[in-house]
Amino acid sequence: MSRSQIIDDIFLVFRERGHKMYGEAVTELQHALQCATFAERAGEAPHIVAACLLHDYGHLCHELGEDIAARGVDALHENVGANKLSRFFTPEVVEPVRLHVTAKRYLCWREPEYFRGLTEASRRSLELQGGPMTDDEGREFEKHPHYEAAVRCRRYDDMGKIVDMETPDLEAFRNVLEPYVRLPF
């Protein structure tokens, strides 16, 4: 399987399942494209842009419905997505995907005003994901080699919820993803 085929498969999942809503006013595909667009416009490194595009891939991989947080279910989408993507992508992309929920918990601990800026859906999911970190958890997270990338990804995650925002399509991000595809896998 080539790099192009791997990306084709990822994009196919977005096209087939990205129409799902997840408690916000945008679809999964719109959210992914917005996050990646914000990161790219801010001049982020390509691996951050790639992680932003793929960070919620795990939501597209389960059959639990669109309102799972409202039903009190944590799909652990960050782990589902990272585990699937780790077969094909390098850790620079996969680890921010795996850690973007942890980064939300971290930011709620580190920056009390961050919590106040969360949407209702994000607050609801935060509760299911363990709430803000403790002091010990926060200090431990800061030692993780990918924590800064995860925090950067998380900030774009919070931004990507704008109804009717114009973004490039998936194909515009193919060249961003290609260097991070691992071959052979």
N, C-alpha and C. Protein backbone atom coordinates (compact mmCIF):
# COMPACT_ATOMS: atom_id res chain seq x y z
N MET A 1 0.85 -1.18 0.00
CA MET A 1 0.00 0.00 0.00
C MET A 1 0.90 1.25 0.00
N SER A 2 0.58 2.20 -0.85
CA SER A 2 1.38 3.41 -0.96
C SER A 2 0.89 4.49 0.00
N ARG A 3 1.69 5.53 0.14
CA ARG A 3 1.27 6.68 0.96
C ARG A 3 -0.06 7.24 0.45
N SER A 4 -0.15 7.37 -0.85
CA SER A 4 -1.36 7.92 -1.46
C SER A 4 -2.58 7.04 -1.16
N GLN A 5 -2.42 5.73 -1.21
CA GLN A 5 -3.53 4.82 -0.92
C GLN A 5 -3.96 4.92 0.55
N ILE A 6 -3.01 5.05 1.44
CA ILE A 6 -3.33 5.18 2.86
C ILE A 6 -4.14 6.46 3.08
N ILE A 7 -3.70 7.55 2.50
CA ILE A 7 -4.42 8.81 2.65
C ILE A 7 -5.79 8.72 1.98
N ASP A 8 -5.86 8.06 0.82
CA ASP A 8 -7.16 7.85 0.16
C ASP A 8 -8.13 7.15 1.11
N ASP A 9 -7.66 6.13 1.80
CA ASP A 9 -8.52 5.38 2.73
C ASP A 9 -8.98 6.26 3.90
N ILE A 10 -8.09 7.06 4.43
CA ILE A 10 -8.45 7.98 5.53
C ILE A 10 -9.49 8.98 5.03
N PHE A 11 -9.26 9.55 3.86
CA PHE A 11 -10.18 10.53 3.30
C PHE A 11 -11.54 9.90 2.99
N LEU A 12 -11.55 8.65 2.56
CA LEU A 12 -12.81 7.95 2.30
C LEU A 12 -13.65 7.85 3.57
N VAL A 13 -13.01 7.54 4.69
CA VAL A 13 -13.74 7.48 5.96
C VAL A 13 -14.34 8.85 6.28
N PHE A 14 -13.57 9.91 6.10
CA PHE A 14 -14.10 11.26 6.33
C PHE A 14 -15.29 11.55 5.41
N ARG A 15 -15.17 11.15 4.15
CA ARG A 15 -16.26 11.45 3.20
C ARG A 15 -17.51 10.64 3.51
N GLU A 16 -17.33 9.39 3.93
CA GLU A 16 -18.48 8.53 4.20
C GLU A 16 -19.11 8.78 5.56
N ARG A 17 -18.30 9.18 6.55
CA ARG A 17 -18.81 9.27 7.92
C ARG A 17 -18.67 10.66 8.53
N GLY A 18 -18.04 11.57 7.82
CA GLY A 18 -17.78 12.90 8.36
C GLY A 18 -18.98 13.81 8.45
N HIS A 19 -20.12 13.37 7.95
CA HIS A 19 -21.35 14.17 8.03
C HIS A 19 -21.97 14.14 9.43
N LYS A 20 -21.47 13.27 10.30
CA LYS A 20 -22.01 13.14 11.65
C LYS A 20 -21.74 14.40 12.46
N MET A 21 -22.71 14.74 13.29
CA MET A 21 -22.55 15.83 14.25
C MET A 21 -22.04 15.19 15.54
N TYR A 22 -21.48 15.99 16.43
CA TYR A 22 -20.99 15.40 17.67
C TYR A 22 -21.23 16.30 18.87
N GLY A 23 -22.36 16.97 18.86
CA GLY A 23 -22.70 17.83 19.98
C GLY A 23 -22.37 19.28 19.74
N GLU A 24 -21.76 19.58 18.61
CA GLU A 24 -21.45 20.96 18.23
C GLU A 24 -22.27 21.31 16.99
N ALA A 25 -22.16 22.53 16.51
CA ALA A 25 -22.97 23.00 15.39
C ALA A 25 -22.34 22.70 14.03
N VAL A 26 -21.28 21.91 14.00
CA VAL A 26 -20.60 21.54 12.75
C VAL A 26 -20.48 20.02 12.68
N THR A 27 -20.25 19.52 11.47
CA THR A 27 -20.04 18.09 11.29
C THR A 27 -18.59 17.72 11.65
N GLU A 28 -18.35 16.44 11.77
CA GLU A 28 -16.98 15.98 12.03
C GLU A 28 -16.02 16.45 10.95
N LEU A 29 -16.44 16.35 9.68
CA LEU A 29 -15.57 16.78 8.58
C LEU A 29 -15.32 18.28 8.63
N GLN A 30 -16.36 19.07 8.83
CA GLN A 30 -16.17 20.52 8.93
C GLN A 30 -15.23 20.86 10.08
N HIS A 31 -15.41 20.19 11.21
CA HIS A 31 -14.56 20.43 12.38
C HIS A 31 -13.10 20.12 12.06
N ALA A 32 -12.84 18.97 11.45
CA ALA A 32 -11.47 18.58 11.11
C ALA A 32 -10.83 19.60 10.17
N LEU A 33 -11.56 19.98 9.14
CA LEU A 33 -11.03 20.94 8.17
C LEU A 33 -10.80 22.31 8.81
N GLN A 34 -11.70 22.73 9.68
CA GLN A 34 -11.51 24.01 10.36
C GLN A 34 -10.27 24.00 11.25
N CYS A 35 -10.11 22.94 12.03
CA CYS A 35 -8.96 22.85 12.93
C CYS A 35 -7.65 22.90 12.15
N ALA A 36 -7.58 22.11 11.08
CA ALA A 36 -6.37 22.09 10.26
C ALA A 36 -6.14 23.44 9.58
N THR A 37 -7.20 24.06 9.13
CA THR A 37 -7.10 25.37 8.48
C THR A 37 -6.58 26.42 9.46
N PHE A 38 -7.14 26.45 10.67
CA PHE A 38 -6.66 27.40 11.67
C PHE A 38 -5.18 27.18 11.97
N ALA A 39 -4.78 25.92 12.12
CA ALA A 39 -3.37 25.62 12.42
C ALA A 39 -2.47 26.06 11.27
N GLU A 40 -2.88 25.77 10.06
CA GLU A 40 -2.07 26.14 8.89
C GLU A 40 -1.96 27.66 8.77
N ARG A 41 -3.07 28.35 8.95
CA ARG A 41 -3.06 29.82 8.85
C ARG A 41 -2.19 30.45 9.94
N ALA A 42 -2.07 29.77 11.07
CA ALA A 42 -1.24 30.29 12.17
C ALA A 42 0.24 29.98 11.96
N GLY A 43 0.55 29.24 10.89
CA GLY A 43 1.95 28.92 10.60
C GLY A 43 2.50 27.77 11.40
N GLU A 44 1.62 26.89 11.88
CA GLU A 44 2.08 25.73 12.64
C GLU A 44 2.90 24.79 11.77
N ALA A 45 3.74 24.02 12.42
CA ALA A 45 4.51 22.98 11.73
C ALA A 45 3.54 21.99 11.09
N PRO A 46 3.94 21.40 9.96
CA PRO A 46 3.03 20.48 9.27
C PRO A 46 2.51 19.32 10.12
N HIS A 47 3.33 18.80 11.05
CA HIS A 47 2.82 17.68 11.86
C HIS A 47 1.69 18.12 12.78
N ILE A 48 1.68 19.38 13.20
CA ILE A 48 0.57 19.90 14.02
C ILE A 48 -0.67 20.04 13.14
N VAL A 49 -0.51 20.54 11.93
CA VAL A 49 -1.64 20.67 11.00
C VAL A 49 -2.23 19.29 10.74
N ALA A 50 -1.37 18.30 10.50
CA ALA A 50 -1.83 16.93 10.26
C ALA A 50 -2.59 16.39 11.47
N ALA A 51 -2.05 16.59 12.65
CA ALA A 51 -2.72 16.12 13.87
C ALA A 51 -4.07 16.81 14.04
N CYS A 52 -4.13 18.09 13.73
CA CYS A 52 -5.40 18.81 13.84
C CYS A 52 -6.44 18.23 12.89
N LEU A 53 -6.02 17.88 11.68
CA LEU A 53 -6.95 17.29 10.73
C LEU A 53 -7.47 15.94 11.24
N LEU A 54 -6.61 15.16 11.85
CA LEU A 54 -6.94 13.78 12.22
C LEU A 54 -7.36 13.59 13.67
N HIS A 55 -7.36 14.64 14.49
CA HIS A 55 -7.49 14.46 15.94
C HIS A 55 -8.77 13.76 16.37
N ASP A 56 -9.87 13.92 15.64
CA ASP A 56 -11.12 13.27 16.02
C ASP A 56 -11.47 12.09 15.12
N TYR A 57 -10.47 11.54 14.45
CA TYR A 57 -10.70 10.40 13.56
C TYR A 57 -11.41 9.26 14.29
N GLY A 58 -11.11 9.08 15.55
CA GLY A 58 -11.74 8.02 16.33
C GLY A 58 -13.25 8.14 16.41
N HIS A 59 -13.79 9.37 16.33
CA HIS A 59 -15.25 9.54 16.31
C HIS A 59 -15.86 8.90 15.07
N LEU A 60 -15.09 8.83 14.00
CA LEU A 60 -15.59 8.26 12.75
C LEU A 60 -15.51 6.75 12.73
N CYS A 61 -14.89 6.18 13.74
CA CYS A 61 -14.60 4.74 13.76
C CYS A 61 -15.52 3.96 14.69
N HIS A 62 -16.47 4.62 15.33
CA HIS A 62 -17.37 3.89 16.23
C HIS A 62 -18.81 4.03 15.75
N GLU A 63 -19.65 3.18 16.26
CA GLU A 63 -21.07 3.16 15.90
C GLU A 63 -21.94 3.56 17.09
N LEU A 64 -21.45 4.41 17.95
CA LEU A 64 -22.16 4.74 19.19
C LEU A 64 -23.16 5.89 19.03
N GLY A 65 -23.24 6.47 17.85
CA GLY A 65 -24.18 7.55 17.63
C GLY A 65 -23.54 8.91 17.81
N GLU A 66 -24.32 9.93 17.50
CA GLU A 66 -23.82 11.30 17.51
C GLU A 66 -23.95 11.98 18.87
N ASP A 67 -24.78 11.44 19.75
CA ASP A 67 -25.07 12.11 21.01
C ASP A 67 -24.53 11.35 22.21
N ILE A 68 -23.41 10.70 22.04
CA ILE A 68 -22.92 9.81 23.09
C ILE A 68 -22.60 10.52 24.39
N ALA A 69 -22.00 11.70 24.34
CA ALA A 69 -21.69 12.41 25.58
C ALA A 69 -22.96 12.79 26.32
N ALA A 70 -23.99 13.18 25.59
CA ALA A 70 -25.27 13.52 26.22
C ALA A 70 -25.88 12.29 26.90
N ARG A 71 -25.52 11.11 26.42
CA ARG A 71 -26.00 9.86 27.04
C ARG A 71 -25.06 9.35 28.12
N GLY A 72 -24.00 10.12 28.41
CA GLY A 72 -23.09 9.72 29.48
C GLY A 72 -22.07 8.68 29.08
N VAL A 73 -21.75 8.61 27.79
CA VAL A 73 -20.80 7.62 27.28
C VAL A 73 -19.54 8.32 26.78
N ASP A 74 -18.39 7.84 27.21
CA ASP A 74 -17.11 8.31 26.68
C ASP A 74 -16.61 7.24 25.72
N ALA A 75 -16.57 7.56 24.44
CA ALA A 75 -16.15 6.60 23.41
C ALA A 75 -14.64 6.40 23.38
N LEU A 76 -13.90 7.16 24.17
CA LEU A 76 -12.43 7.09 24.15
C LEU A 76 -11.90 7.27 22.73
N HIS A 77 -12.53 8.21 22.01
CA HIS A 77 -12.21 8.40 20.60
C HIS A 77 -10.75 8.74 20.37
N GLU A 78 -10.12 9.40 21.33
CA GLU A 78 -8.72 9.76 21.17
C GLU A 78 -7.84 8.52 21.06
N ASN A 79 -8.15 7.49 21.85
CA ASN A 79 -7.39 6.24 21.80
C ASN A 79 -7.77 5.41 20.58
N VAL A 80 -9.05 5.36 20.27
CA VAL A 80 -9.50 4.62 19.09
C VAL A 80 -8.82 5.18 17.85
N GLY A 81 -8.87 6.50 17.69
CA GLY A 81 -8.25 7.13 16.52
C GLY A 81 -6.75 6.94 16.49
N ALA A 82 -6.09 7.20 17.61
CA ALA A 82 -4.62 7.07 17.65
C ALA A 82 -4.19 5.64 17.38
N ASN A 83 -4.91 4.68 17.94
CA ASN A 83 -4.54 3.28 17.71
C ASN A 83 -4.68 2.90 16.24
N LYS A 84 -5.73 3.35 15.59
CA LYS A 84 -5.89 3.06 14.16
C LYS A 84 -4.84 3.79 13.33
N LEU A 85 -4.61 5.05 13.65
CA LEU A 85 -3.66 5.86 12.87
C LEU A 85 -2.21 5.46 13.09
N SER A 86 -1.89 4.90 14.26
CA SER A 86 -0.49 4.57 14.58
C SER A 86 0.08 3.51 13.65
N ARG A 87 -0.76 2.76 13.03
CA ARG A 87 -0.28 1.76 12.07
C ARG A 87 0.32 2.43 10.82
N PHE A 88 -0.16 3.64 10.54
CA PHE A 88 0.21 4.30 9.28
C PHE A 88 0.99 5.60 9.43
N PHE A 89 0.90 6.25 10.59
CA PHE A 89 1.50 7.57 10.75
C PHE A 89 2.55 7.58 11.85
N THR A 90 3.46 8.53 11.75
CA THR A 90 4.54 8.68 12.73
C THR A 90 4.01 9.24 14.05
N PRO A 91 4.77 9.06 15.13
CA PRO A 91 4.34 9.57 16.43
C PRO A 91 4.12 11.08 16.48
N GLU A 92 4.81 11.86 15.65
CA GLU A 92 4.62 13.32 15.66
C GLU A 92 3.17 13.70 15.37
N VAL A 93 2.48 12.85 14.60
CA VAL A 93 1.07 13.08 14.27
C VAL A 93 0.17 12.32 15.24
N VAL A 94 0.51 11.08 15.52
CA VAL A 94 -0.37 10.21 16.31
C VAL A 94 -0.46 10.64 17.77
N GLU A 95 0.64 11.02 18.37
CA GLU A 95 0.60 11.33 19.81
C GLU A 95 -0.24 12.56 20.15
N PRO A 96 -0.20 13.64 19.38
CA PRO A 96 -1.15 14.73 19.67
C PRO A 96 -2.61 14.29 19.52
N VAL A 97 -2.88 13.38 18.58
CA VAL A 97 -4.23 12.81 18.46
C VAL A 97 -4.59 12.08 19.75
N ARG A 98 -3.70 11.22 20.20
CA ARG A 98 -3.93 10.43 21.42
C ARG A 98 -4.10 11.33 22.65
N LEU A 99 -3.40 12.44 22.68
CA LEU A 99 -3.34 13.27 23.88
C LEU A 99 -4.23 14.52 23.85
N HIS A 100 -5.01 14.73 22.80
CA HIS A 100 -5.76 16.00 22.74
C HIS A 100 -6.84 16.10 23.80
N VAL A 101 -7.39 14.98 24.26
CA VAL A 101 -8.36 15.01 25.36
C VAL A 101 -7.63 15.27 26.68
N THR A 102 -6.49 14.62 26.85
CA THR A 102 -5.67 14.86 28.03
C THR A 102 -5.26 16.32 28.09
N ALA A 103 -4.97 16.90 26.93
CA ALA A 103 -4.60 18.32 26.87
C ALA A 103 -5.75 19.22 27.32
N LYS A 104 -6.98 18.84 27.03
CA LYS A 104 -8.13 19.62 27.52
C LYS A 104 -8.18 19.57 29.04
N ARG A 105 -8.00 18.40 29.59
CA ARG A 105 -7.98 18.25 31.05
C ARG A 105 -6.84 19.08 31.65
N TYR A 106 -5.69 19.05 30.98
CA TYR A 106 -4.52 19.82 31.42
C TYR A 106 -4.82 21.32 31.41
N LEU A 107 -5.36 21.81 30.31
CA LEU A 107 -5.62 23.24 30.19
C LEU A 107 -6.65 23.72 31.21
N CYS A 108 -7.61 22.88 31.54
CA CYS A 108 -8.58 23.24 32.59
C CYS A 108 -7.90 23.36 33.94
N TRP A 109 -6.86 22.58 34.15
CA TRP A 109 -6.08 22.67 35.40
C TRP A 109 -5.13 23.88 35.36
N ARG A 110 -4.40 24.02 34.27
CA ARG A 110 -3.35 25.04 34.16
C ARG A 110 -3.92 26.45 34.03
N GLU A 111 -5.01 26.59 33.28
CA GLU A 111 -5.59 27.91 32.99
C GLU A 111 -7.07 27.90 33.38
N PRO A 112 -7.40 28.31 34.58
CA PRO A 112 -8.80 28.26 35.02
C PRO A 112 -9.78 28.94 34.06
N GLU A 113 -9.34 29.99 33.37
CA GLU A 113 -10.22 30.67 32.42
C GLU A 113 -10.51 29.81 31.19
N TYR A 114 -9.66 28.83 30.92
CA TYR A 114 -9.88 27.95 29.77
C TYR A 114 -11.21 27.22 29.90
N PHE A 115 -11.49 26.71 31.08
CA PHE A 115 -12.74 25.98 31.31
C PHE A 115 -13.95 26.86 30.97
N ARG A 116 -13.91 28.11 31.34
CA ARG A 116 -15.03 29.01 31.09
C ARG A 116 -15.28 29.21 29.60
N GLY A 117 -14.27 29.01 28.77
CA GLY A 117 -14.42 29.17 27.34
C GLY A 117 -14.90 27.93 26.61
N LEU A 118 -15.01 26.81 27.31
CA LEU A 118 -15.46 25.58 26.67
C LEU A 118 -16.95 25.65 26.33
N THR A 119 -17.32 25.02 25.22
CA THR A 119 -18.73 24.92 24.88
C THR A 119 -19.40 23.96 25.85
N GLU A 120 -20.71 23.99 25.87
CA GLU A 120 -21.47 23.09 26.75
C GLU A 120 -21.15 21.62 26.43
N ALA A 121 -21.08 21.29 25.14
CA ALA A 121 -20.77 19.92 24.75
C ALA A 121 -19.37 19.52 25.23
N SER A 122 -18.42 20.43 25.15
CA SER A 122 -17.06 20.14 25.58
C SER A 122 -16.98 19.99 27.10
N ARG A 123 -17.76 20.77 27.81
CA ARG A 123 -17.81 20.62 29.27
C ARG A 123 -18.41 19.28 29.67
N ARG A 124 -19.46 18.89 28.95
CA ARG A 124 -20.11 17.60 29.22
C ARG A 124 -19.13 16.45 28.99
N SER A 125 -18.41 16.50 27.89
CA SER A 125 -17.45 15.43 27.61
C SER A 125 -16.28 15.47 28.59
N LEU A 126 -15.87 16.66 29.02
CA LEU A 126 -14.78 16.78 30.00
C LEU A 126 -15.13 16.01 31.27
N GLU A 127 -16.35 16.12 31.70
CA GLU A 127 -16.78 15.41 32.90
C GLU A 127 -16.61 13.90 32.73
N LEU A 128 -16.98 13.40 31.55
CA LEU A 128 -16.84 11.97 31.26
C LEU A 128 -15.37 11.56 31.14
N GLN A 129 -14.52 12.49 30.76
CA GLN A 129 -13.11 12.21 30.51
C GLN A 129 -12.23 12.38 31.74
N GLY A 130 -12.83 12.65 32.88
CA GLY A 130 -12.07 12.73 34.12
C GLY A 130 -11.97 14.10 34.74
N GLY A 131 -12.53 15.12 34.08
CA GLY A 131 -12.49 16.47 34.63
C GLY A 131 -11.09 17.06 34.57
N PRO A 132 -10.93 18.26 35.13
CA PRO A 132 -9.60 18.89 35.14
C PRO A 132 -8.58 18.00 35.86
N MET A 133 -7.35 18.10 35.45
CA MET A 133 -6.28 17.32 36.08
C MET A 133 -6.05 17.76 37.52
N THR A 134 -5.48 16.86 38.28
CA THR A 134 -4.96 17.21 39.60
C THR A 134 -3.58 17.84 39.40
N ASP A 135 -3.03 18.43 40.46
CA ASP A 135 -1.68 19.00 40.37
C ASP A 135 -0.67 17.95 39.93
N ASP A 136 -0.74 16.77 40.52
CA ASP A 136 0.20 15.70 40.16
C ASP A 136 0.05 15.29 38.70
N GLU A 137 -1.19 15.15 38.23
CA GLU A 137 -1.42 14.78 36.84
C GLU A 137 -0.89 15.85 35.89
N GLY A 138 -1.12 17.10 36.23
CA GLY A 138 -0.66 18.20 35.38
C GLY A 138 0.85 18.24 35.27
N ARG A 139 1.53 18.11 36.39
CA ARG A 139 3.00 18.12 36.36
C ARG A 139 3.55 16.91 35.60
N GLU A 140 2.90 15.79 35.75
CA GLU A 140 3.33 14.58 35.03
C GLU A 140 3.12 14.76 33.53
N PHE A 141 1.99 15.32 33.14
CA PHE A 141 1.71 15.53 31.72
C PHE A 141 2.75 16.46 31.08
N GLU A 142 3.20 17.45 31.81
CA GLU A 142 4.20 18.38 31.28
C GLU A 142 5.53 17.70 30.97
N LYS A 143 5.75 16.51 31.46
CA LYS A 143 6.97 15.75 31.17
C LYS A 143 6.85 14.94 29.88
N HIS A 144 5.64 14.78 29.37
CA HIS A 144 5.43 13.95 28.18
C HIS A 144 6.07 14.64 26.97
N PRO A 145 6.81 13.89 26.15
CA PRO A 145 7.50 14.53 25.02
C PRO A 145 6.57 15.18 23.99
N HIS A 146 5.31 14.80 23.97
CA HIS A 146 4.38 15.36 22.98
C HIS A 146 3.32 16.26 23.62
N TYR A 147 3.53 16.65 24.86
CA TYR A 147 2.48 17.43 25.52
C TYR A 147 2.27 18.79 24.86
N GLU A 148 3.35 19.46 24.46
CA GLU A 148 3.19 20.79 23.85
C GLU A 148 2.44 20.69 22.52
N ALA A 149 2.74 19.68 21.72
CA ALA A 149 2.03 19.50 20.46
C ALA A 149 0.55 19.20 20.72
N ALA A 150 0.28 18.41 21.75
CA ALA A 150 -1.11 18.08 22.09
C ALA A 150 -1.87 19.33 22.53
N VAL A 151 -1.22 20.18 23.30
CA VAL A 151 -1.87 21.42 23.75
C VAL A 151 -2.14 22.33 22.56
N ARG A 152 -1.19 22.41 21.64
CA ARG A 152 -1.39 23.25 20.45
C ARG A 152 -2.58 22.71 19.64
N CYS A 153 -2.61 21.41 19.45
CA CYS A 153 -3.71 20.77 18.72
C CYS A 153 -5.04 21.06 19.43
N ARG A 154 -5.04 20.97 20.74
CA ARG A 154 -6.26 21.19 21.51
C ARG A 154 -6.80 22.60 21.32
N ARG A 155 -5.93 23.56 21.25
CA ARG A 155 -6.39 24.95 21.09
C ARG A 155 -7.10 25.14 19.74
N TYR A 156 -6.59 24.49 18.70
CA TYR A 156 -7.27 24.57 17.40
C TYR A 156 -8.56 23.76 17.42
N ASP A 157 -8.57 22.67 18.17
CA ASP A 157 -9.78 21.87 18.35
C ASP A 157 -10.90 22.76 18.90
N ASP A 158 -10.58 23.58 19.86
CA ASP A 158 -11.58 24.46 20.46
C ASP A 158 -12.07 25.54 19.50
N MET A 159 -11.25 25.89 18.53
CA MET A 159 -11.61 26.95 17.58
C MET A 159 -12.50 26.43 16.45
N GLY A 160 -12.37 25.17 16.10
CA GLY A 160 -13.00 24.61 14.91
C GLY A 160 -14.46 24.25 15.05
N LYS A 161 -15.28 25.23 15.40
CA LYS A 161 -16.70 24.96 15.64
C LYS A 161 -17.56 26.08 15.07
N ILE A 162 -17.15 26.61 13.92
CA ILE A 162 -17.80 27.78 13.33
C ILE A 162 -18.73 27.35 12.19
N VAL A 163 -20.00 27.65 12.35
CA VAL A 163 -20.99 27.31 11.33
C VAL A 163 -20.68 28.06 10.04
N ASP A 164 -20.71 27.35 8.92
CA ASP A 164 -20.55 27.92 7.58
C ASP A 164 -19.17 28.52 7.30
N MET A 165 -18.16 28.14 8.04
CA MET A 165 -16.81 28.63 7.74
C MET A 165 -16.31 27.99 6.45
N GLU A 166 -15.73 28.80 5.60
CA GLU A 166 -15.13 28.31 4.35
C GLU A 166 -13.74 27.74 4.66
N THR A 167 -13.48 26.54 4.18
CA THR A 167 -12.18 25.89 4.35
C THR A 167 -11.78 25.22 3.04
N PRO A 168 -10.50 24.92 2.90
CA PRO A 168 -10.09 24.06 1.80
C PRO A 168 -10.72 22.67 1.99
N ASP A 169 -10.75 21.87 0.93
CA ASP A 169 -11.26 20.52 1.08
C ASP A 169 -10.15 19.58 1.55
N LEU A 170 -10.49 18.32 1.75
CA LEU A 170 -9.52 17.35 2.25
C LEU A 170 -8.27 17.28 1.38
N GLU A 171 -8.46 17.29 0.08
CA GLU A 171 -7.32 17.14 -0.84
C GLU A 171 -6.26 18.21 -0.62
N ALA A 172 -6.65 19.36 -0.14
CA ALA A 172 -5.69 20.44 0.12
C ALA A 172 -4.69 20.05 1.21
N PHE A 173 -5.02 19.03 2.00
CA PHE A 173 -4.15 18.62 3.10
C PHE A 173 -3.38 17.33 2.80
N ARG A 174 -3.54 16.79 1.61
CA ARG A 174 -2.82 15.56 1.24
C ARG A 174 -1.31 15.73 1.39
N ASN A 175 -0.77 16.82 0.88
CA ASN A 175 0.68 17.04 0.96
C ASN A 175 1.17 17.24 2.38
N VAL A 176 0.29 17.69 3.26
CA VAL A 176 0.65 17.84 4.68
C VAL A 176 0.79 16.46 5.32
N LEU A 177 -0.10 15.54 4.97
CA LEU A 177 -0.09 14.20 5.58
C LEU A 177 1.02 13.30 5.03
N GLU A 178 1.30 13.39 3.74
CA GLU A 178 2.20 12.43 3.08
C GLU A 178 3.54 12.21 3.78
N PRO A 179 4.24 13.24 4.22
CA PRO A 179 5.55 12.99 4.84
C PRO A 179 5.49 12.20 6.14
N TYR A 180 4.32 12.12 6.75
CA TYR A 180 4.19 11.46 8.05
C TYR A 180 3.63 10.05 7.95
N VAL A 181 3.39 9.58 6.72
CA VAL A 181 2.96 8.20 6.53
C VAL A 181 4.17 7.30 6.66
N ARG A 182 4.05 6.28 7.50
CA ARG A 182 5.16 5.35 7.74
C ARG A 182 5.10 4.22 6.71
N LEU A 183 6.20 4.00 6.04
CA LEU A 183 6.33 2.85 5.13
C LEU A 183 7.63 2.15 5.43
N PRO A 184 7.70 0.83 5.45
CA PRO A 184 6.52 -0.06 5.49
C PRO A 184 5.88 -0.02 6.86
N PHE A 185 4.67 -0.46 6.92
CA PHE A 185 3.96 -0.45 8.20
C PHE A 185 3.66 -1.84 8.67
